[in-house]
C-alpha atoms as a PDB file:
ATOM      1  CA  MET A   1       0.032  -0.038   0.086  1.00  0.00           C
ATOM      2  CA  SER A   2       1.327   3.377  -1.024  1.00  0.00           C
ATOM      3  CA  PHE A   3       0.282   6.785   0.288  1.00  0.00           C
ATOM      4  CA  LYS A   4       0.546  10.320  -1.173  1.00  0.00           C
ATOM      5  CA  ARG A   5      -0.881  13.559   0.308  1.00  0.00           C
ATOM      6  CA  PHE A   6      -3.394  15.537  -1.586  1.00  0.00           C
ATOM      7  CA  ASP A   7      -2.546  19.093  -2.707  1.00  0.00           C
ATOM      8  CA  PRO A   8      -5.294  21.851  -2.590  1.00  0.00           C
ATOM      9  CA  ASP A   9      -5.581  21.892  -6.251  1.00  0.00           C
ATOM     10  CA  ASP A  10      -6.719  18.149  -6.039  1.00  0.00           C
ATOM     11  CA  PHE A  11     -10.078  19.127  -4.840  1.00  0.00           C
ATOM     12  CA  LEU A  12     -13.021  20.798  -6.433  1.00  0.00           C
ATOM     13  CA  ILE A  13     -16.676  21.289  -5.037  1.00  0.00           C
ATOM     14  CA  SER A  14     -19.426  21.501  -7.515  1.00  0.00           C
ATOM     15  CA  ALA A  15     -23.187  21.674  -7.182  1.00  0.00           C
ATOM     16  CA  GLU A  16     -25.863  20.900  -9.719  1.00  0.00           C
ATOM     17  CA  SER A  17     -29.772  20.799  -9.700  1.00  0.00           C
ATOM     18  CA  ILE A  18     -31.521  17.529 -10.365  1.00  0.00           C
ATOM     19  CA  THR A  19     -35.259  17.337 -11.464  1.00  0.00           C
ATOM     20  CA  ALA A  20     -37.614  14.467 -11.486  1.00  0.00           C
ATOM     21  CA  GLY A  21     -41.280  13.707 -11.631  1.00  0.00           C
ATOM     22  CA  ALA A  22     -42.864  14.301  -8.413  1.00  0.00           C
ATOM     23  CA  TRP A  23     -45.136  10.974  -8.512  1.00  0.00           C
ATOM     24  CA  THR A  24     -44.490   7.398  -8.138  1.00  0.00           C
ATOM     25  CA  GLY A  25     -41.989   6.030 -10.535  1.00  0.00           C
ATOM     26  CA  ASN A  26     -40.651   9.463 -11.476  1.00  0.00           C
ATOM     27  CA  SER A  27     -43.854  10.348 -13.433  1.00  0.00           C
ATOM     28  CA  PRO A  28     -44.529  14.138 -13.769  1.00  0.00           C
ATOM     29  CA  THR A  29     -48.190  13.778 -14.482  1.00  0.00           C
ATOM     30  CA  LEU A  30     -50.736  12.085 -12.481  1.00  0.00           C
ATOM     31  CA  THR A  31     -53.794  11.289 -14.479  1.00  0.00           C
ATOM     32  CA  GLN A  32     -55.674   8.848 -12.222  1.00  0.00           C
ATOM     33  CA  PHE A  33     -56.965   9.461  -8.719  1.00  0.00           C
ATOM     34  CA  PHE A  34     -57.987   7.149  -6.000  1.00  0.00           C
ATOM     35  CA  THR A  35     -58.895   7.367  -2.479  1.00  0.00           C
ATOM     36  CA  SER A  36     -59.209   4.878   0.385  1.00  0.00           C
ATOM     37  CA  SER A  37     -62.896   3.848   0.977  1.00  0.00           C
ATOM     38  CA  VAL A  38     -61.996   2.958   4.718  1.00  0.00           C
ATOM     39  CA  GLN A  39     -60.502   6.639   5.276  1.00  0.00           C
ATOM     40  CA  ALA A  40     -63.287   8.360   3.353  1.00  0.00           C
ATOM     41  CA  ALA A  41     -65.943   6.598   5.497  1.00  0.00           C
ATOM     42  CA  ALA A  42     -64.136   7.596   8.533  1.00  0.00           C
ATOM     43  CA  THR A  43     -64.672  10.963  10.461  1.00  0.00           C
ATOM     44  CA  SER A  44     -61.333  12.310   9.011  1.00  0.00           C
ATOM     45  CA  GLY A  45     -62.675  11.670   5.458  1.00  0.00           C
ATOM     46  CA  ASN A  46     -65.039  14.809   5.830  1.00  0.00           C
ATOM     47  CA  TYR A  47     -61.870  17.115   6.045  1.00  0.00           C
ATOM     48  CA  TYR A  48     -58.989  15.168   4.979  1.00  0.00           C
ATOM     49  CA  LEU A  49     -58.253  12.815   1.951  1.00  0.00           C
ATOM     50  CA  SER A  50     -55.241  10.719   0.909  1.00  0.00           C
ATOM     51  CA  VAL A  51     -55.059  10.413  -2.865  1.00  0.00           C
ATOM     52  CA  PHE A  52     -53.395   7.365  -4.484  1.00  0.00           C
ATOM     53  CA  GLN A  53     -52.285   6.809  -8.039  1.00  0.00           C
ATOM     54  CA  GLY A  54     -54.009   3.379  -8.170  1.00  0.00           C
ATOM     55  CA  GLU A  55     -56.572   1.334  -5.941  1.00  0.00           C
ATOM     56  CA  SER A  56     -55.382   2.001  -2.481  1.00  0.00           C
ATOM     57  CA  THR A  57     -55.200  -1.792  -1.678  1.00  0.00           C
ATOM     58  CA  ALA A  58     -53.291  -2.616  -4.849  1.00  0.00           C
ATOM     59  CA  VAL A  59     -49.798  -3.628  -4.819  1.00  0.00           C
ATOM     60  CA  GLY A  60     -47.465  -0.714  -5.507  1.00  0.00           C
ATOM     61  CA  SER A  61     -50.221   1.784  -4.722  1.00  0.00           C
ATOM     62  CA  GLU A  62     -48.840   4.733  -2.687  1.00  0.00           C
ATOM     63  CA  VAL A  63     -50.215   8.079  -1.249  1.00  0.00           C
ATOM     64  CA  GLN A  64     -49.337  10.804  -3.914  1.00  0.00           C
ATOM     65  CA  PHE A  65     -50.806  13.927  -2.094  1.00  0.00           C
ATOM     66  CA  ASN A  66     -53.563  14.760   0.272  1.00  0.00           C
ATOM     67  CA  ILE A  67     -56.492  17.079   0.375  1.00  0.00           C
ATOM     68  CA  ALA A  68     -57.438  18.912   3.267  1.00  0.00           C
ATOM     69  CA  PHE A  69     -60.288  21.618   3.755  1.00  0.00           C
ATOM     70  CA  GLY A  70     -59.897  24.424   6.388  1.00  0.00           C
ATOM     71  CA  ASP A  71     -62.320  27.244   7.426  1.00  0.00           C
ATOM     72  CA  SER A  72     -61.534  30.020   9.903  1.00  0.00           C
ATOM     73  CA  ALA A  73     -64.919  29.724  11.318  1.00  0.00           C
ATOM     74  CA  GLY A  74     -65.028  26.002  11.683  1.00  0.00           C
ATOM     75  CA  SER A  75     -67.691  25.488   8.999  1.00  0.00           C
ATOM     76  CA  GLY A  76     -67.968  22.319   7.005  1.00  0.00           C
ATOM     77  CA  SER A  77     -67.437  19.847   9.636  1.00  0.00           C
ATOM     78  CA  VAL A  78     -68.874  18.675  13.086  1.00  0.00           C
ATOM     79  CA  LEU A  79     -67.983  20.840  16.054  1.00  0.00           C
ATOM     80  CA  TYR A  80     -65.757  19.212  18.794  1.00  0.00           C
ATOM     81  CA  ASP A  81     -68.350  20.234  21.281  1.00  0.00           C
ATOM     82  CA  ALA A  82     -71.776  21.568  20.318  1.00  0.00           C
ATOM     83  CA  GLY A  83     -71.535  24.069  23.135  1.00  0.00           C
ATOM     84  CA  ILE A  84     -68.502  25.761  21.787  1.00  0.00           C
ATOM     85  CA  ASN A  85     -69.091  27.363  18.316  1.00  0.00           C
ATOM     86  CA  GLY A  86     -66.484  27.658  15.615  1.00  0.00           C
ATOM     87  CA  ARG A  87     -64.223  24.994  17.172  1.00  0.00           C
ATOM     88  CA  SER A  88     -64.110  22.000  14.632  1.00  0.00           C
ATOM     89  CA  TYR A  89     -61.856  19.772  12.610  1.00  0.00           C
ATOM     90  CA  THR A  90     -61.895  22.554   9.716  1.00  0.00           C
ATOM     91  CA  SER A  91     -60.918  25.380  12.062  1.00  0.00           C
ATOM     92  CA  THR A  92     -58.064  23.252  13.268  1.00  0.00           C
ATOM     93  CA  VAL A  93     -56.779  22.589   9.794  1.00  0.00           C
ATOM     94  CA  PHE A  94     -57.031  26.235   8.829  1.00  0.00           C
ATOM     95  CA  GLY A  95     -55.007  27.285  12.108  1.00  0.00           C
ATOM     96  CA  GLN A  96     -52.416  24.753  11.493  1.00  0.00           C
ATOM     97  CA  TRP A  97     -51.790  26.234   7.914  1.00  0.00           C
ATOM     98  CA  GLN A  98     -51.941  29.705   9.166  1.00  0.00           C
ATOM     99  CA  ASN A  99     -48.998  28.785  11.560  1.00  0.00           C
ATOM    100  CA  ILE A 100     -47.084  26.986   8.872  1.00  0.00           C
ATOM    101  CA  VAL A 101     -47.576  29.666   6.169  1.00  0.00           C
ATOM    102  CA  LEU A 102     -48.309  32.819   7.913  1.00  0.00           C
ATOM    103  CA  GLY A 103     -46.633  32.255  11.356  1.00  0.00           C
ATOM    104  CA  ASP A 104     -49.596  33.597  13.213  1.00  0.00           C
ATOM    105  CA  GLU A 105     -53.300  32.405  13.582  1.00  0.00           C
ATOM    106  CA  ASN A 106     -54.356  36.033  13.744  1.00  0.00           C
ATOM    107  CA  ASN A 107     -53.041  36.680  10.003  1.00  0.00           C
ATOM    108  CA  SER A 108     -55.419  36.279   7.004  1.00  0.00           C
ATOM    109  CA  PHE A 109     -54.471  34.569   3.671  1.00  0.00           C
ATOM    110  CA  VAL A 110     -54.096  37.155   0.949  1.00  0.00           C
ATOM    111  CA  PHE A 111     -54.437  35.975  -2.599  1.00  0.00           C
ATOM    112  CA  GLY A 112     -53.080  38.073  -5.328  1.00  0.00           C
ATOM    113  CA  GLY A 113     -53.720  41.231  -3.100  1.00  0.00           C
ATOM    114  CA  VAL A 114     -57.266  40.202  -2.313  1.00  0.00           C
ATOM    115  CA  THR A 115     -58.241  39.130   1.351  1.00  0.00           C
ATOM    116  CA  PRO A 116     -61.581  36.942   1.082  1.00  0.00           C
ATOM    117  CA  ASN A 117     -64.006  37.671   3.662  1.00  0.00           C
ATOM    118  CA  GLN A 118     -64.768  33.832   3.728  1.00  0.00           C
ATOM    119  CA  GLN A 119     -61.343  32.590   4.896  1.00  0.00           C
ATOM    120  CA  SER A 120     -61.644  29.004   3.508  1.00  0.00           C
ATOM    121  CA  VAL A 121     -58.792  27.112   2.028  1.00  0.00           C
ATOM    122  CA  TYR A 122     -58.336  23.724   0.161  1.00  0.00           C
ATOM    123  CA  VAL A 123     -54.768  22.444   0.899  1.00  0.00           C
ATOM    124  CA  LEU A 124     -53.037  20.035  -1.456  1.00  0.00           C
ATOM    125  CA  SER A 125     -49.892  18.650   0.298  1.00  0.00           C
ATOM    126  CA  VAL A 126     -47.621  16.387  -1.731  1.00  0.00           C
ATOM    127  CA  ASP A 127     -46.508  13.297   0.191  1.00  0.00           C
ATOM    128  CA  ARG A 128     -43.005  14.109   1.639  1.00  0.00           C
ATOM    129  CA  SER A 129     -41.716  10.723  -0.206  1.00  0.00           C
ATOM    130  CA  LYS A 130     -42.508  12.155  -3.430  1.00  0.00           C
ATOM    131  CA  PHE A 131     -40.141  15.099  -3.518  1.00  0.00           C
ATOM    132  CA  LYS A 132     -36.457  15.420  -2.197  1.00  0.00           C
ATOM    133  CA  GLY A 133     -35.454  19.161  -1.971  1.00  0.00           C
ATOM    134  CA  ASN A 134     -38.605  20.974  -3.094  1.00  0.00           C
ATOM    135  CA  ILE A 135     -41.216  21.255  -5.908  1.00  0.00           C
ATOM    136  CA  PHE A 136     -39.571  22.773  -9.133  1.00  0.00           C
ATOM    137  CA  PRO A 137     -41.540  26.263  -9.771  1.00  0.00           C
ATOM    138  CA  GLY A 138     -42.899  26.583 -13.162  1.00  0.00           C
ATOM    139  CA  THR A 139     -43.946  22.830 -13.495  1.00  0.00           C
ATOM    140  CA  LEU A 140     -47.388  23.079 -11.925  1.00  0.00           C
ATOM    141  CA  ASP A 141     -50.180  22.087 -14.114  1.00  0.00           C
ATOM    142  CA  LEU A 142     -53.316  21.266 -12.329  1.00  0.00           C
ATOM    143  CA  ARG A 143     -56.768  20.896 -13.885  1.00  0.00           C
ATOM    144  CA  ILE A 144     -59.943  21.221 -12.168  1.00  0.00           C
ATOM    145  CA  GLN A 145     -63.386  20.568 -13.988  1.00  0.00           C
ATOM    146  CA  SER A 146     -66.195  22.849 -13.334  1.00  0.00           C
ATOM    147  CA  SER A 147     -69.662  21.743 -13.083  1.00  0.00           C
ATOM    148  CA  SER A 148     -70.272  22.886 -16.742  1.00  0.00           C
ATOM    149  CA  ALA A 149     -67.306  20.625 -17.821  1.00  0.00           C
ATOM    150  CA  PHE A 150     -64.959  23.473 -18.444  1.00  0.00           C
ATOM    151  CA  ASN A 151     -61.472  22.555 -17.226  1.00  0.00           C
ATOM    152  CA  LEU A 152     -59.650  25.394 -15.201  1.00  0.00           C
ATOM    153  CA  ARG A 153     -56.129  25.132 -15.794  1.00  0.00           C
ATOM    154  CA  LEU A 154     -53.723  26.422 -13.018  1.00  0.00           C
ATOM    155  CA  THR A 155     -50.151  27.001 -12.627  1.00  0.00           C
ATOM    156  CA  ASP A 156     -47.720  29.164 -10.391  1.00  0.00           C
ATOM    157  CA  ASN A 157     -46.534  32.505 -11.473  1.00  0.00           C
ATOM    158  CA  SER A 158     -42.995  31.951 -10.839  1.00  0.00           C
ATOM    159  CA  LYS A 159     -41.874  33.235 -14.416  1.00  0.00           C
ATOM    160  CA  ASP A 160     -43.853  36.276 -14.175  1.00  0.00           C
ATOM    161  CA  VAL A 161     -42.191  37.695 -11.075  1.00  0.00           C
ATOM    162  CA  SER A 162     -38.794  39.508 -10.959  1.00  0.00           C
ATOM    163  CA  THR A 163     -38.690  39.312  -7.160  1.00  0.00           C
ATOM    164  CA  VAL A 164     -39.430  36.141  -5.120  1.00  0.00           C
ATOM    165  CA  THR A 165     -41.607  36.599  -2.048  1.00  0.00           C
ATOM    166  CA  PHE A 166     -40.911  34.605   1.080  1.00  0.00           C
ATOM    167  CA  ASN A 167     -43.079  33.649   4.167  1.00  0.00           C
ATOM    168  CA  GLU A 168     -42.707  31.245   6.902  1.00  0.00           C
ATOM    169  CA  ALA A 169     -42.940  28.263   4.569  1.00  0.00           C
ATOM    170  CA  GLY A 170     -40.167  29.565   2.121  1.00  0.00           C
ATOM    171  CA  ARG A 171     -40.809  30.878  -1.249  1.00  0.00           C
ATOM    172  CA  VAL A 172     -44.417  31.785  -2.277  1.00  0.00           C
ATOM    173  CA  PHE A 173     -45.841  32.132  -5.668  1.00  0.00           C
ATOM    174  CA  GLN A 174     -49.359  33.101  -6.624  1.00  0.00           C
ATOM    175  CA  ILE A 175     -51.388  30.331  -8.340  1.00  0.00           C
ATOM    176  CA  VAL A 176     -52.954  31.692 -11.509  1.00  0.00           C
ATOM    177  CA  SER A 177     -54.944  30.534 -14.546  1.00  0.00           C
ATOM    178  CA  GLY A 178     -52.236  29.714 -17.123  1.00  0.00           C
ATOM    179  CA  SER A 179     -49.360  27.084 -18.067  1.00  0.00           C
ATOM    180  CA  ASN A 180     -45.659  26.763 -17.434  1.00  0.00           C
ATOM    181  CA  GLY A 181     -45.323  29.165 -14.711  1.00  0.00           C
ATOM    182  CA  SER A 182     -47.004  32.103 -16.536  1.00  0.00           C
ATOM    183  CA  ALA A 183     -50.549  33.527 -16.060  1.00  0.00           C
ATOM    184  CA  ILE A 184     -52.647  33.718 -19.248  1.00  0.00           C
ATOM    185  CA  SER A 185     -52.001  36.968 -21.291  1.00  0.00           C
ATOM    186  CA  SER A 186     -55.343  37.116 -23.152  1.00  0.00           C
ATOM    187  CA  THR A 187     -58.865  36.799 -22.171  1.00  0.00           C
ATOM    188  CA  PRO A 188     -59.999  33.128 -22.285  1.00  0.00           C
ATOM    189  CA  THR A 189     -63.162  31.398 -23.080  1.00  0.00           C
ATOM    190  CA  PRO A 190     -65.805  32.003 -21.388  1.00  0.00           C
ATOM    191  CA  ALA A 191     -65.298  35.749 -22.102  1.00  0.00           C
ATOM    192  CA  ASN A 192     -64.101  37.936 -19.309  1.00  0.00           C
ATOM    193  CA  ALA A 193     -63.412  34.932 -17.090  1.00  0.00           C
ATOM    194  CA  VAL A 194     -60.126  36.199 -15.644  1.00  0.00           C
ATOM    195  CA  ALA A 195     -57.701  38.964 -16.021  1.00  0.00           C
ATOM    196  CA  ASN A 196     -54.018  38.228 -15.840  1.00  0.00           C
ATOM    197  CA  GLY A 197     -54.768  34.865 -14.524  1.00  0.00           C
ATOM    198  CA  MET A 198     -56.761  36.033 -11.449  1.00  0.00           C
ATOM    199  CA  THR A 199     -60.387  36.412 -10.583  1.00  0.00           C
ATOM    200  CA  ILE A 200     -62.324  39.062  -8.639  1.00  0.00           C
ATOM    201  CA  SER A 201     -61.581  37.057  -5.612  1.00  0.00           C
ATOM    202  CA  GLY A 202     -57.939  37.324  -6.149  1.00  0.00           C
ATOM    203  CA  SER A 203     -55.510  34.681  -7.301  1.00  0.00           C
ATOM    204  CA  TYR A 204     -56.480  30.850  -7.000  1.00  0.00           C
ATOM    205  CA  GLY A 205     -54.014  30.278  -4.143  1.00  0.00           C
ATOM    206  CA  LEU A 206     -50.574  30.088  -2.999  1.00  0.00           C
ATOM    207  CA  PHE A 207     -47.814  27.709  -4.150  1.00  0.00           C
ATOM    208  CA  LEU A 208     -45.199  26.880  -1.659  1.00  0.00           C
ATOM    209  CA  PRO A 209     -42.580  24.910  -3.382  1.00  0.00           C
ATOM    210  CA  ASP A 210     -40.235  24.476  -0.428  1.00  0.00           C
ATOM    211  CA  VAL A 211     -42.839  22.589   1.475  1.00  0.00           C
ATOM    212  CA  GLY A 212     -44.561  20.749  -1.247  1.00  0.00           C
ATOM    213  CA  THR A 213     -47.708  22.480  -0.690  1.00  0.00           C
ATOM    214  CA  ILE A 214     -50.445  24.328  -2.722  1.00  0.00           C
ATOM    215  CA  ILE A 215     -53.123  26.300  -0.891  1.00  0.00           C
ATOM    216  CA  LEU A 216     -56.180  27.005  -3.015  1.00  0.00           C
ATOM    217  CA  ASN A 217     -58.453  29.976  -2.554  1.00  0.00           C
ATOM    218  CA  ALA A 218     -61.984  28.417  -1.946  1.00  0.00           C
ATOM    219  CA  ALA A 219     -63.783  31.789  -2.871  1.00  0.00           C
ATOM    220  CA  ALA A 220     -62.114  31.822  -6.201  1.00  0.00           C
ATOM    221  CA  LEU A 221     -62.752  28.156  -7.159  1.00  0.00           C
ATOM    222  CA  ASP A 222     -66.467  28.626  -6.037  1.00  0.00           C
ATOM    223  CA  LEU A 223     -67.020  31.323  -8.639  1.00  0.00           C
ATOM    224  CA  ALA A 224     -69.135  30.683 -11.894  1.00  0.00           C
ATOM    225  CA  GLY A 225     -67.198  29.473 -14.768  1.00  0.00           C
ATOM    226  CA  SER A 226     -67.914  32.818 -16.491  1.00  0.00           C
ATOM    227  CA  ASN A 227     -66.127  34.463 -13.751  1.00  0.00           C
ATOM    228  CA  GLY A 228     -63.072  32.324 -13.890  1.00  0.00           C
ATOM    229  CA  GLY A 229     -64.232  29.695 -11.278  1.00  0.00           C
ATOM    230  CA  ALA A 230     -64.762  26.232 -11.243  1.00  0.00           C
ATOM    231  CA  GLU A 231     -68.128  26.136  -9.512  1.00  0.00           C
ATOM    232  CA  ILE A 232     -66.853  23.822  -6.707  1.00  0.00           C
ATOM    233  CA  GLY A 233     -69.796  24.600  -4.534  1.00  0.00           C
ATOM    234  CA  THR A 234     -68.022  24.518  -1.306  1.00  0.00           C
ATOM    235  CA  LEU A 235     -70.539  24.098   1.741  1.00  0.00           C
ATOM    236  CA  PHE A 236     -70.188  26.034   4.848  1.00  0.00           C
ATOM    237  CA  ASN A 237     -72.788  24.523   7.137  1.00  0.00           C
ATOM    238  CA  SER A 238     -72.200  24.766  10.682  1.00  0.00           C
ATOM    239  CA  ASN A 239     -71.738  21.493  12.831  1.00  0.00           C
ATOM    240  CA  THR A 240     -72.250  19.638   9.708  1.00  0.00           C
ATOM    241  CA  ALA A 241     -69.951  16.952   7.943  1.00  0.00           C
ATOM    242  CA  ASP A 242     -69.857  18.491   4.448  1.00  0.00           C
ATOM    243  CA  ASN A 243     -67.176  16.457   2.725  1.00  0.00           C
ATOM    244  CA  ASN A 244     -65.576  19.357   0.904  1.00  0.00           C
ATOM    245  CA  PRO A 245     -62.317  17.547   0.233  1.00  0.00           C
ATOM    246  CA  GLY A 246     -64.554  14.885  -1.626  1.00  0.00           C
ATOM    247  CA  ARG A 247     -65.936  17.680  -3.802  1.00  0.00           C
ATOM    248  CA  LEU A 248     -62.613  19.012  -4.897  1.00  0.00           C
ATOM    249  CA  PHE A 249     -61.362  15.305  -5.363  1.00  0.00           C
ATOM    250  CA  SER A 250     -64.199  14.488  -7.704  1.00  0.00           C
ATOM    251  CA  ARG A 251     -63.266  17.619  -9.799  1.00  0.00           C
ATOM    252  CA  LEU A 252     -59.577  16.819  -9.782  1.00  0.00           C
ATOM    253  CA  SER A 253     -60.377  13.246 -10.885  1.00  0.00           C
ATOM    254  CA  ALA A 254     -62.716  14.240 -13.659  1.00  0.00           C
ATOM    255  CA  ALA A 255     -60.081  16.529 -15.117  1.00  0.00           C
ATOM    256  CA  GLY A 256     -57.315  13.995 -14.798  1.00  0.00           C
ATOM    257  CA  ASN A 257     -54.149  16.077 -14.912  1.00  0.00           C
ATOM    258  CA  PHE A 258     -51.696  17.081 -11.999  1.00  0.00           C
ATOM    259  CA  THR A 259     -48.323  17.759 -13.095  1.00  0.00           C
ATOM    260  CA  LEU A 260     -45.253  18.542 -10.892  1.00  0.00           C
ATOM    261  CA  ASN A 261     -41.580  18.057 -11.033  1.00  0.00           C
ATOM    262  CA  SER A 262     -39.415  17.662  -7.927  1.00  0.00           C
ATOM    263  CA  GLN A 263     -35.955  19.343  -7.647  1.00  0.00           C
ATOM    264  CA  GLU A 264     -32.854  18.526  -5.537  1.00  0.00           C
ATOM    265  CA  ASN A 265     -29.600  20.285  -5.335  1.00  0.00           C
ATOM    266  CA  VAL A 266     -26.758  17.858  -5.188  1.00  0.00           C
ATOM    267  CA  THR A 267     -23.377  18.883  -3.921  1.00  0.00           C
ATOM    268  CA  SER A 268     -20.347  16.782  -5.174  1.00  0.00           C
ATOM    269  CA  ASP A 269     -16.698  16.797  -3.945  1.00  0.00           C
ATOM    270  CA  PHE A 270     -14.313  15.936  -7.072  1.00  0.00           C
ATOM    271  CA  VAL A 271     -10.949  14.647  -5.868  1.00  0.00           C
ATOM    272  CA  PHE A 272      -8.489  14.276  -8.483  1.00  0.00           C
ATOM    273  CA  VAL A 273      -5.931  11.298  -7.734  1.00  0.00           C
ATOM    274  CA  ARG A 274      -2.789  11.664  -9.689  1.00  0.00           C
ATOM    275  CA  ALA A 275      -0.087   8.919 -10.089  1.00  0.00           C
ATOM    276  CA  ARG A 276       3.018  10.310 -11.882  1.00  0.00           C
ATOM    277  CA  ASN A 277       5.415   8.154 -13.970  1.00  0.00           C
ATOM    278  CA  SER A 278       7.655   7.608 -10.965  1.00  0.00           C
ATOM    279  CA  GLU A 279       5.177   6.942  -8.367  1.00  0.00           C
ATOM    280  CA  PHE A 280       3.132   3.729  -7.547  1.00  0.00           C
ATOM    281  CA  ASN A 281       5.242   1.417  -9.644  1.00  0.00           C
ATOM    282  CA  TYR A 282       6.270  -0.999  -6.955  1.00  0.00           C
ATOM    283  CA  SER A 283       4.084  -3.450  -5.150  1.00  0.00           C
ATOM    284  CA  ALA A 284       3.911  -3.324  -1.111  1.00  0.00           C
ATOM    285  CA  ASN A 285       2.845  -6.916  -1.048  1.00  0.00           C
ATOM    286  CA  PRO A 286       5.133  -8.807   1.328  1.00  0.00           C
ATOM    287  CA  SER A 287       5.300 -11.871  -1.180  1.00  0.00           C
ATOM    288  CA  PHE A 288       7.559  -9.871  -3.416  1.00  0.00           C
ATOM    289  CA  ILE A 289      10.194  -9.415  -0.547  1.00  0.00           C
ATOM    290  CA  SER A 290      12.343 -12.014   0.887  1.00  0.00           C
ATOM    291  CA  GLY A 291      11.794 -12.514   4.598  1.00  0.00           C
ATOM    292  CA  SER A 292      15.185 -13.493   5.648  1.00  0.00           C
ATOM    293  CA  THR A 293      17.297 -11.050   3.444  1.00  0.00           C
ATOM    294  CA  GLY A 294      14.705  -8.243   2.632  1.00  0.00           C
ATOM    295  CA  GLU A 295      15.657  -8.384  -1.012  1.00  0.00           C
ATOM    296  CA  VAL A 296      13.159  -8.352  -3.974  1.00  0.00           C
ATOM    297  CA  ILE A 297      12.643 -11.851  -4.993  1.00  0.00           C
ATOM    298  CA  TYR A 298      11.911 -11.324  -8.816  1.00  0.00           C
ATOM    299  CA  ASN A 299      14.529  -9.557 -10.676  1.00  0.00           C
ATOM    300  CA  ASP A 300      11.969  -8.393 -13.335  1.00  0.00           C
ATOM    301  CA  PHE A 301      10.217  -6.288 -10.602  1.00  0.00           C
ATOM    302  CA  ILE A 302      13.597  -4.556 -10.023  1.00  0.00           C
ATOM    303  CA  ASN A 303      14.353  -3.613 -13.545  1.00  0.00           C
ATOM    304  CA  ALA A 304      10.754  -3.438 -15.220  1.00  0.00           C
ATOM    305  CA  PRO A 305       8.327  -2.952 -12.282  1.00  0.00           C
ATOM    306  CA  GLN A 306       4.672  -2.770 -12.898  1.00  0.00           C
ATOM    307  CA  THR A 307       1.540  -2.693 -10.825  1.00  0.00           C
ATOM    308  CA  PHE A 308      -2.192  -2.791 -11.311  1.00  0.00           C
ATOM    309  CA  ILE A 309      -4.147  -0.185  -9.447  1.00  0.00           C
ATOM    310  CA  SER A 310      -7.574  -1.317  -8.388  1.00  0.00           C
ATOM    311  CA  THR A 311      -8.702   0.597  -5.353  1.00  0.00           C
ATOM    312  CA  ILE A 312      -8.124   4.178  -4.128  1.00  0.00           C
ATOM    313  CA  GLY A 313      -8.335   4.771  -0.294  1.00  0.00           C
ATOM    314  CA  MET A 314      -8.882   8.298   1.079  1.00  0.00           C
ATOM    315  CA  TYR A 315      -7.454   8.740   4.605  1.00  0.00           C
ATOM    316  CA  ASN A 316      -7.249  11.665   7.179  1.00  0.00           C
ATOM    317  CA  ASP A 317      -4.261  12.681   8.921  1.00  0.00           C
ATOM    318  CA  SER A 318      -4.966  10.191  11.647  1.00  0.00           C
ATOM    319  CA  ASN A 319      -4.805   7.401   9.221  1.00  0.00           C
ATOM    320  CA  GLU A 320      -8.295   6.668   9.394  1.00  0.00           C
ATOM    321  CA  LEU A 321     -10.139   5.430   6.285  1.00  0.00           C
ATOM    322  CA  LEU A 322     -12.816   7.780   5.123  1.00  0.00           C
ATOM    323  CA  ALA A 323     -13.748   6.743   1.602  1.00  0.00           C
ATOM    324  CA  VAL A 324     -12.968   3.908  -0.942  1.00  0.00           C
ATOM    325  CA  ALA A 325     -13.138   4.249  -4.654  1.00  0.00           C
ATOM    326  CA  LYS A 326     -13.145   1.167  -6.760  1.00  0.00           C
ATOM    327  CA  LEU A 327     -11.887   1.278 -10.351  1.00  0.00           C
ATOM    328  CA  SER A 328     -14.118  -0.618 -13.034  1.00  0.00           C
ATOM    329  CA  LYS A 329     -11.070  -2.551 -13.977  1.00  0.00           C
ATOM    330  CA  PRO A 330      -7.358  -2.683 -12.826  1.00  0.00           C
ATOM    331  CA  LEU A 331      -5.370   0.107 -14.198  1.00  0.00           C
ATOM    332  CA  LYS A 332      -1.852  -0.977 -15.328  1.00  0.00           C
ATOM    333  CA  LYS A 333       1.052   1.405 -13.959  1.00  0.00           C
ATOM    334  CA  ASP A 334       4.744   1.401 -14.783  1.00  0.00           C
ATOM    335  CA  PHE A 335       7.510   4.060 -15.185  1.00  0.00           C
ATOM    336  CA  THR A 336       6.291   4.768 -18.620  1.00  0.00           C
ATOM    337  CA  LYS A 337       2.637   5.698 -17.667  1.00  0.00           C
ATOM    338  CA  GLU A 338       0.984   8.318 -15.694  1.00  0.00           C
ATOM    339  CA  ALA A 339      -2.698   8.191 -14.232  1.00  0.00           C
ATOM    340  CA  LEU A 340      -5.394  10.652 -13.221  1.00  0.00           C
ATOM    341  CA  VAL A 341      -8.364   9.262 -11.753  1.00  0.00           C
ATOM    342  CA  ARG A 342     -11.332  11.423 -10.802  1.00  0.00           C
ATOM    343  CA  VAL A 343     -13.319  10.529  -7.548  1.00  0.00           C
ATOM    344  CA  LYS A 344     -16.710  11.947  -7.175  1.00  0.00           C
ATOM    345  CA  LEU A 345     -18.293  12.137  -3.674  1.00  0.00           C
ATOM    346  CA  ASP A 346     -22.036  13.096  -3.586  1.00  0.00           C
ATOM    347  CA  PHE A 347     -23.859  14.021  -0.423  1.00  0.00           C
END
């Protein structure tokens, strides 16, 4: 075994961004949507649903994202205690996302500069196993079918903004009518539906790529198709299980298109291992040396030595092995050859 100390020029740090589809199998587009009948029939199904890419009991079926409904007044679900108004499952969901996104339960959601009087949201949270670093802005393509079979097409406005806005959950973009990260630039059909991708109730929601979450503005989705909405028909009954997540799920399933890509920044250390012509030509194997005289047993190894490099080990100053690099095939080395091996360490 031979050792050589690395020089500062032998190290290089590099970073690259890797993108992949957000759904199972690195697929960027989800076209089929399934829920668990067991969960849907349970109490939680009235305000929270997990969505699968296949039948929930099928082999290989996994949760892709979750749909939750939150309302500041606690509407749309049964109260915890009939004697305490406004305290329900939906108020808890709403308060949870207020804390995550706004950092304070006293703050209101603002969508495209508009603060809806009815503070109600649908939350689509991508399962954590489906994205690594974050969701890639500009890849969102979410279709929602209206009651009149008009498909509302939503994206984030990441390509339209020059300055990125941040909140408690990291970067935040507005969800608008459009595609590929840009709002529509012309008036769509039906006429006068939206202006610059937004409705009279503001944007369609908030896109939070760093936490894999889409918060949809219920007020905008409830608008008539002629006003840019999807006519979801959110119910706001007090102390009643209205199953609003199921309403949105049926519209998503009917449209059959939810596209997202995940993004990960991978940092790599490159180590350049150099073997000059005069180095690493002799074997340190004890079988080449006479145990009694200490002489080289084979004369050819004296006059024309050669070795075969198969493994590179990297040690610290305490002689502790930190990393091992294996060559695909042994590399022949003698006085007539020099070698340069690039070792890549990803983390």
